[in-house]
């Protein structure tokens, strides 16, 4: 029986169910069948949308780089990010991936005019009155290790807070950290693959 759910992974939680001493894992928040795992991962210090499933075909389709799909991140950065940095992020920046230089694929980047409505983080980011901490929206079609953080650091604006808001047409909506929504196969395939799964 295939199982599908969306979760909002909290900050400072590992994207796994197996226990690790001294760190919180998904099993501290979510109760799912034994054969269910997250598709991909979010870093310990990132938060937001994760898909949990035991559908191997879905897992392969979302993790194999030859099938690109949109992932939208809301990123709070350190400093008054400028148009030049945004253009650079959109075009391509070179980051280090597994010891090799890697030019990122073009992506969409926008500066939020008003801060997005997001759950409070515990603990909150460090607040410094004299340094702005604006939010940008980044829509990528690839997912290298710590890619968003490496990209914003490369253009001079380190990431303070990182939320994965959306994968294709699945998003966090009004979910709070630690919340889970169970979906049926038809809904998840429609929203991820527009009903076309070949």
C-alpha atoms as a PDB file:
ATOM      1  CA  UNK A   1       0.000   0.000   0.000  1.00  0.00           C
ATOM      2  CA  UNK A   2       1.601   3.276  -1.104  1.00  0.00           C
ATOM      3  CA  UNK A   3       1.760   6.054   1.465  1.00  0.00           C
ATOM      4  CA  UNK A   4       2.183   9.794   0.809  1.00  0.00           C
ATOM      5  CA  UNK A   5       2.355  12.763   3.132  1.00  0.00           C
ATOM      6  CA  UNK A   6       3.715  16.287   3.209  1.00  0.00           C
ATOM      7  CA  UNK A   7       5.471  17.556   6.302  1.00  0.00           C
ATOM      8  CA  UNK A   8       6.898  20.866   7.458  1.00  0.00           C
ATOM      9  CA  UNK A   9      10.307  19.850   8.776  1.00  0.00           C
ATOM     10  CA  UNK A  10      11.214  22.039  11.747  1.00  0.00           C
ATOM     11  CA  UNK A  11      14.538  23.863  12.133  1.00  0.00           C
ATOM     12  CA  UNK A  12      17.379  21.837  13.717  1.00  0.00           C
ATOM     13  CA  UNK A  13      15.857  18.453  12.908  1.00  0.00           C
ATOM     14  CA  UNK A  14      17.594  15.772  10.829  1.00  0.00           C
ATOM     15  CA  UNK A  15      15.780  14.554   7.672  1.00  0.00           C
ATOM     16  CA  UNK A  16      15.726  10.927   8.833  1.00  0.00           C
ATOM     17  CA  UNK A  17      13.820   8.647  11.174  1.00  0.00           C
ATOM     18  CA  UNK A  18      16.769   6.719  12.634  1.00  0.00           C
ATOM     19  CA  UNK A  19      17.931   8.075  15.998  1.00  0.00           C
ATOM     20  CA  UNK A  20      21.088  10.178  16.394  1.00  0.00           C
ATOM     21  CA  UNK A  21      22.282  10.944  19.871  1.00  0.00           C
ATOM     22  CA  UNK A  22      21.837  14.570  20.885  1.00  0.00           C
ATOM     23  CA  UNK A  23      19.832  15.566  17.784  1.00  0.00           C
ATOM     24  CA  UNK A  24      16.148  15.586  16.952  1.00  0.00           C
ATOM     25  CA  UNK A  25      14.987  13.527  13.976  1.00  0.00           C
ATOM     26  CA  UNK A  26      11.704  13.181  12.089  1.00  0.00           C
ATOM     27  CA  UNK A  27      10.640  10.382  14.468  1.00  0.00           C
ATOM     28  CA  UNK A  28      10.395  12.993  17.258  1.00  0.00           C
ATOM     29  CA  UNK A  29       7.549  14.671  15.324  1.00  0.00           C
ATOM     30  CA  UNK A  30       5.962  12.222  12.887  1.00  0.00           C
ATOM     31  CA  UNK A  31       4.505   8.744  13.212  1.00  0.00           C
ATOM     32  CA  UNK A  32       4.502   6.886   9.868  1.00  0.00           C
ATOM     33  CA  UNK A  33       4.660   3.253   8.667  1.00  0.00           C
ATOM     34  CA  UNK A  34       8.092   1.593   8.992  1.00  0.00           C
ATOM     35  CA  UNK A  35       8.850   1.541   5.251  1.00  0.00           C
ATOM     36  CA  UNK A  36       8.206   5.287   4.754  1.00  0.00           C
ATOM     37  CA  UNK A  37      11.125   7.686   4.222  1.00  0.00           C
ATOM     38  CA  UNK A  38      11.643  11.298   3.145  1.00  0.00           C
ATOM     39  CA  UNK A  39      12.241  11.938  -0.546  1.00  0.00           C
ATOM     40  CA  UNK A  40      15.609  13.683  -0.556  1.00  0.00           C
ATOM     41  CA  UNK A  41      16.463  15.811   2.407  1.00  0.00           C
ATOM     42  CA  UNK A  42      16.517  19.252   3.944  1.00  0.00           C
ATOM     43  CA  UNK A  43      19.604  20.251   5.890  1.00  0.00           C
ATOM     44  CA  UNK A  44      19.540  20.150   9.677  1.00  0.00           C
ATOM     45  CA  UNK A  45      19.500  23.973   9.758  1.00  0.00           C
ATOM     46  CA  UNK A  46      16.871  24.361   6.992  1.00  0.00           C
ATOM     47  CA  UNK A  47      13.126  23.943   7.332  1.00  0.00           C
ATOM     48  CA  UNK A  48       9.995  23.484   5.275  1.00  0.00           C
ATOM     49  CA  UNK A  49       8.483  21.048   2.813  1.00  0.00           C
ATOM     50  CA  UNK A  50       9.445  17.372   2.691  1.00  0.00           C
ATOM     51  CA  UNK A  51       7.543  14.520   1.040  1.00  0.00           C
ATOM     52  CA  UNK A  52       7.330  11.222   2.934  1.00  0.00           C
ATOM     53  CA  UNK A  53       6.547   8.074   0.933  1.00  0.00           C
ATOM     54  CA  UNK A  54       7.283   4.397   0.346  1.00  0.00           C
ATOM     55  CA  UNK A  55       6.698   4.787  -3.423  1.00  0.00           C
ATOM     56  CA  UNK A  56      10.077   3.894  -4.965  1.00  0.00           C
ATOM     57  CA  UNK A  57       9.048   5.095  -8.414  1.00  0.00           C
ATOM     58  CA  UNK A  58       8.157   8.534  -7.043  1.00  0.00           C
ATOM     59  CA  UNK A  59      11.419   8.650  -5.109  1.00  0.00           C
ATOM     60  CA  UNK A  60      13.428   7.869  -8.261  1.00  0.00           C
ATOM     61  CA  UNK A  61      11.533  10.400 -10.361  1.00  0.00           C
ATOM     62  CA  UNK A  62      12.146  13.213  -7.858  1.00  0.00           C
ATOM     63  CA  UNK A  63      15.788  12.402  -7.084  1.00  0.00           C
ATOM     64  CA  UNK A  64      17.211  11.483 -10.493  1.00  0.00           C
ATOM     65  CA  UNK A  65      18.792  14.704 -11.892  1.00  0.00           C
ATOM     66  CA  UNK A  66      17.610  13.891 -15.434  1.00  0.00           C
ATOM     67  CA  UNK A  67      14.014  14.671 -14.331  1.00  0.00           C
ATOM     68  CA  UNK A  68      14.221  18.324 -13.345  1.00  0.00           C
ATOM     69  CA  UNK A  69      11.432  19.853 -11.254  1.00  0.00           C
ATOM     70  CA  UNK A  70      10.887  23.197  -9.550  1.00  0.00           C
ATOM     71  CA  UNK A  71      11.793  23.725  -5.909  1.00  0.00           C
ATOM     72  CA  UNK A  72      10.935  27.104  -4.415  1.00  0.00           C
ATOM     73  CA  UNK A  73      12.878  28.426  -1.432  1.00  0.00           C
ATOM     74  CA  UNK A  74      12.244  31.472   0.722  1.00  0.00           C
ATOM     75  CA  UNK A  75      15.620  32.724   1.844  1.00  0.00           C
ATOM     76  CA  UNK A  76      16.379  35.366   4.461  1.00  0.00           C
ATOM     77  CA  UNK A  77      19.815  36.842   3.789  1.00  0.00           C
ATOM     78  CA  UNK A  78      22.312  38.907   5.706  1.00  0.00           C
ATOM     79  CA  UNK A  79      22.591  42.394   4.189  1.00  0.00           C
ATOM     80  CA  UNK A  80      20.780  44.628   1.707  1.00  0.00           C
ATOM     81  CA  UNK A  81      20.823  42.307  -1.290  1.00  0.00           C
ATOM     82  CA  UNK A  82      21.200  44.310  -4.513  1.00  0.00           C
ATOM     83  CA  UNK A  83      20.024  43.889  -8.096  1.00  0.00           C
ATOM     84  CA  UNK A  84      23.509  42.866  -9.229  1.00  0.00           C
ATOM     85  CA  UNK A  85      23.560  39.945  -6.769  1.00  0.00           C
ATOM     86  CA  UNK A  86      20.067  38.875  -7.836  1.00  0.00           C
ATOM     87  CA  UNK A  87      21.064  38.945 -11.547  1.00  0.00           C
ATOM     88  CA  UNK A  88      24.173  36.927 -10.748  1.00  0.00           C
ATOM     89  CA  UNK A  89      22.192  34.291  -8.814  1.00  0.00           C
ATOM     90  CA  UNK A  90      19.708  34.019 -11.696  1.00  0.00           C
ATOM     91  CA  UNK A  91      22.360  33.623 -14.371  1.00  0.00           C
ATOM     92  CA  UNK A  92      24.778  31.209 -12.627  1.00  0.00           C
ATOM     93  CA  UNK A  93      27.312  31.202  -9.829  1.00  0.00           C
ATOM     94  CA  UNK A  94      30.161  28.753  -9.318  1.00  0.00           C
ATOM     95  CA  UNK A  95      29.979  26.757  -6.105  1.00  0.00           C
ATOM     96  CA  UNK A  96      31.982  23.906  -4.644  1.00  0.00           C
ATOM     97  CA  UNK A  97      30.243  20.531  -4.867  1.00  0.00           C
ATOM     98  CA  UNK A  98      32.157  17.533  -3.504  1.00  0.00           C
ATOM     99  CA  UNK A  99      35.485  19.306  -3.960  1.00  0.00           C
ATOM    100  CA  UNK A 100      34.783  20.306  -7.596  1.00  0.00           C
ATOM    101  CA  UNK A 101      33.740  23.658  -9.023  1.00  0.00           C
ATOM    102  CA  UNK A 102      30.173  23.574 -10.275  1.00  0.00           C
ATOM    103  CA  UNK A 103      28.357  26.329 -12.246  1.00  0.00           C
ATOM    104  CA  UNK A 104      24.716  26.426 -11.102  1.00  0.00           C
ATOM    105  CA  UNK A 105      21.922  26.237 -13.668  1.00  0.00           C
ATOM    106  CA  UNK A 106      19.959  29.438 -14.362  1.00  0.00           C
ATOM    107  CA  UNK A 107      17.157  29.953 -11.830  1.00  0.00           C
ATOM    108  CA  UNK A 108      14.498  32.509 -10.892  1.00  0.00           C
ATOM    109  CA  UNK A 109      15.257  34.941  -8.089  1.00  0.00           C
ATOM    110  CA  UNK A 110      13.047  37.754  -6.760  1.00  0.00           C
ATOM    111  CA  UNK A 111      13.328  40.108  -3.817  1.00  0.00           C
ATOM    112  CA  UNK A 112      10.188  40.074  -1.640  1.00  0.00           C
ATOM    113  CA  UNK A 113       8.751  43.599  -1.430  1.00  0.00           C
ATOM    114  CA  UNK A 114       7.201  42.706   1.945  1.00  0.00           C
ATOM    115  CA  UNK A 115       8.466  39.960   4.209  1.00  0.00           C
ATOM    116  CA  UNK A 116       6.565  36.706   3.591  1.00  0.00           C
ATOM    117  CA  UNK A 117       4.348  35.383   6.375  1.00  0.00           C
ATOM    118  CA  UNK A 118       6.322  32.498   7.851  1.00  0.00           C
ATOM    119  CA  UNK A 119       6.153  30.561  11.133  1.00  0.00           C
ATOM    120  CA  UNK A 120       8.234  31.893  13.995  1.00  0.00           C
ATOM    121  CA  UNK A 121      11.551  30.141  14.301  1.00  0.00           C
ATOM    122  CA  UNK A 122      12.846  28.854  17.588  1.00  0.00           C
ATOM    123  CA  UNK A 123      15.476  30.108  18.235  1.00  0.00           C
ATOM    124  CA  UNK A 124      14.977  33.158  15.973  1.00  0.00           C
ATOM    125  CA  UNK A 125      17.735  34.473  13.701  1.00  0.00           C
ATOM    126  CA  UNK A 126      20.120  36.922  15.319  1.00  0.00           C
ATOM    127  CA  UNK A 127      18.678  40.400  14.817  1.00  0.00           C
ATOM    128  CA  UNK A 128      21.013  43.323  14.128  1.00  0.00           C
ATOM    129  CA  UNK A 129      19.266  46.658  13.830  1.00  0.00           C
ATOM    130  CA  UNK A 130      21.871  48.268  11.589  1.00  0.00           C
ATOM    131  CA  UNK A 131      22.022  45.396   9.049  1.00  0.00           C
ATOM    132  CA  UNK A 132      18.963  44.562   6.924  1.00  0.00           C
ATOM    133  CA  UNK A 133      17.845  40.926   6.602  1.00  0.00           C
ATOM    134  CA  UNK A 134      15.562  40.850   3.541  1.00  0.00           C
ATOM    135  CA  UNK A 135      13.847  37.787   2.055  1.00  0.00           C
ATOM    136  CA  UNK A 136      14.357  36.531  -1.492  1.00  0.00           C
ATOM    137  CA  UNK A 137      12.463  33.875  -3.439  1.00  0.00           C
ATOM    138  CA  UNK A 138      14.638  31.359  -5.316  1.00  0.00           C
ATOM    139  CA  UNK A 139      13.166  28.802  -7.731  1.00  0.00           C
ATOM    140  CA  UNK A 140      15.662  26.105  -8.665  1.00  0.00           C
ATOM    141  CA  UNK A 141      15.397  23.004 -10.862  1.00  0.00           C
ATOM    142  CA  UNK A 142      18.339  21.217  -9.255  1.00  0.00           C
ATOM    143  CA  UNK A 143      19.327  20.359  -5.703  1.00  0.00           C
ATOM    144  CA  UNK A 144      23.031  20.074  -4.945  1.00  0.00           C
ATOM    145  CA  UNK A 145      24.177  19.754  -1.327  1.00  0.00           C
ATOM    146  CA  UNK A 146      23.600  23.062   0.524  1.00  0.00           C
ATOM    147  CA  UNK A 147      23.218  24.734  -2.865  1.00  0.00           C
ATOM    148  CA  UNK A 148      21.104  27.748  -1.867  1.00  0.00           C
ATOM    149  CA  UNK A 149      23.402  28.626   1.049  1.00  0.00           C
ATOM    150  CA  UNK A 150      26.493  28.300  -1.144  1.00  0.00           C
ATOM    151  CA  UNK A 151      24.908  30.454  -3.860  1.00  0.00           C
ATOM    152  CA  UNK A 152      23.896  33.367  -1.603  1.00  0.00           C
ATOM    153  CA  UNK A 153      27.276  33.299   0.169  1.00  0.00           C
ATOM    154  CA  UNK A 154      29.034  33.391  -3.217  1.00  0.00           C
ATOM    155  CA  UNK A 155      27.346  36.730  -4.074  1.00  0.00           C
ATOM    156  CA  UNK A 156      28.122  38.195  -0.639  1.00  0.00           C
ATOM    157  CA  UNK A 157      24.814  37.695   1.213  1.00  0.00           C
ATOM    158  CA  UNK A 158      24.972  34.686   3.550  1.00  0.00           C
ATOM    159  CA  UNK A 159      21.735  32.815   4.280  1.00  0.00           C
ATOM    160  CA  UNK A 160      20.260  33.419   7.749  1.00  0.00           C
ATOM    161  CA  UNK A 161      17.096  31.346   7.348  1.00  0.00           C
ATOM    162  CA  UNK A 162      16.075  28.907   4.633  1.00  0.00           C
ATOM    163  CA  UNK A 163      12.563  27.526   4.050  1.00  0.00           C
ATOM    164  CA  UNK A 164      11.630  25.179   1.236  1.00  0.00           C
ATOM    165  CA  UNK A 165       8.158  26.478   0.389  1.00  0.00           C
ATOM    166  CA  UNK A 166       7.234  24.451  -2.681  1.00  0.00           C
ATOM    167  CA  UNK A 167       8.026  21.415  -4.851  1.00  0.00           C
ATOM    168  CA  UNK A 168       6.220  21.805  -8.213  1.00  0.00           C
ATOM    169  CA  UNK A 169       2.547  22.420  -7.185  1.00  0.00           C
ATOM    170  CA  UNK A 170       2.863  21.122  -3.620  1.00  0.00           C
ATOM    171  CA  UNK A 171       3.528  23.847  -1.054  1.00  0.00           C
ATOM    172  CA  UNK A 172       3.583  24.398   2.695  1.00  0.00           C
ATOM    173  CA  UNK A 173       0.462  26.609   2.595  1.00  0.00           C
ATOM    174  CA  UNK A 174      -0.390  27.464   6.215  1.00  0.00           C
ATOM    175  CA  UNK A 175       1.472  24.506   7.690  1.00  0.00           C
ATOM    176  CA  UNK A 176       3.426  25.010  10.906  1.00  0.00           C
ATOM    177  CA  UNK A 177       6.703  23.255  11.811  1.00  0.00           C
ATOM    178  CA  UNK A 178       5.963  19.677  12.847  1.00  0.00           C
ATOM    179  CA  UNK A 179       2.669  19.473  10.905  1.00  0.00           C
ATOM    180  CA  UNK A 180       1.808  16.684   8.462  1.00  0.00           C
ATOM    181  CA  UNK A 181      -0.818  16.323   5.702  1.00  0.00           C
ATOM    182  CA  UNK A 182      -1.586  12.900   4.198  1.00  0.00           C
ATOM    183  CA  UNK A 183      -2.406  12.800   0.477  1.00  0.00           C
ATOM    184  CA  UNK A 184      -3.623  10.185  -2.003  1.00  0.00           C
ATOM    185  CA  UNK A 185      -1.514   9.028  -4.951  1.00  0.00           C
ATOM    186  CA  UNK A 186      -3.667  10.756  -7.557  1.00  0.00           C
ATOM    187  CA  UNK A 187      -3.339  14.170  -5.871  1.00  0.00           C
ATOM    188  CA  UNK A 188       0.398  13.904  -5.402  1.00  0.00           C
ATOM    189  CA  UNK A 189       1.051  12.740  -8.989  1.00  0.00           C
ATOM    190  CA  UNK A 190      -1.170  15.508 -10.391  1.00  0.00           C
ATOM    191  CA  UNK A 191       0.618  18.199  -8.403  1.00  0.00           C
ATOM    192  CA  UNK A 192       4.141  16.897  -9.009  1.00  0.00           C
ATOM    193  CA  UNK A 193       3.922  15.586 -12.550  1.00  0.00           C
ATOM    194  CA  UNK A 194       0.735  17.209 -13.878  1.00  0.00           C
ATOM    195  CA  UNK A 195      -0.753  13.723 -14.187  1.00  0.00           C
ATOM    196  CA  UNK A 196       1.961  12.636 -16.647  1.00  0.00           C
ATOM    197  CA  UNK A 197       4.204  10.070 -15.022  1.00  0.00           C
ATOM    198  CA  UNK A 198       6.279   8.505 -17.836  1.00  0.00           C
END
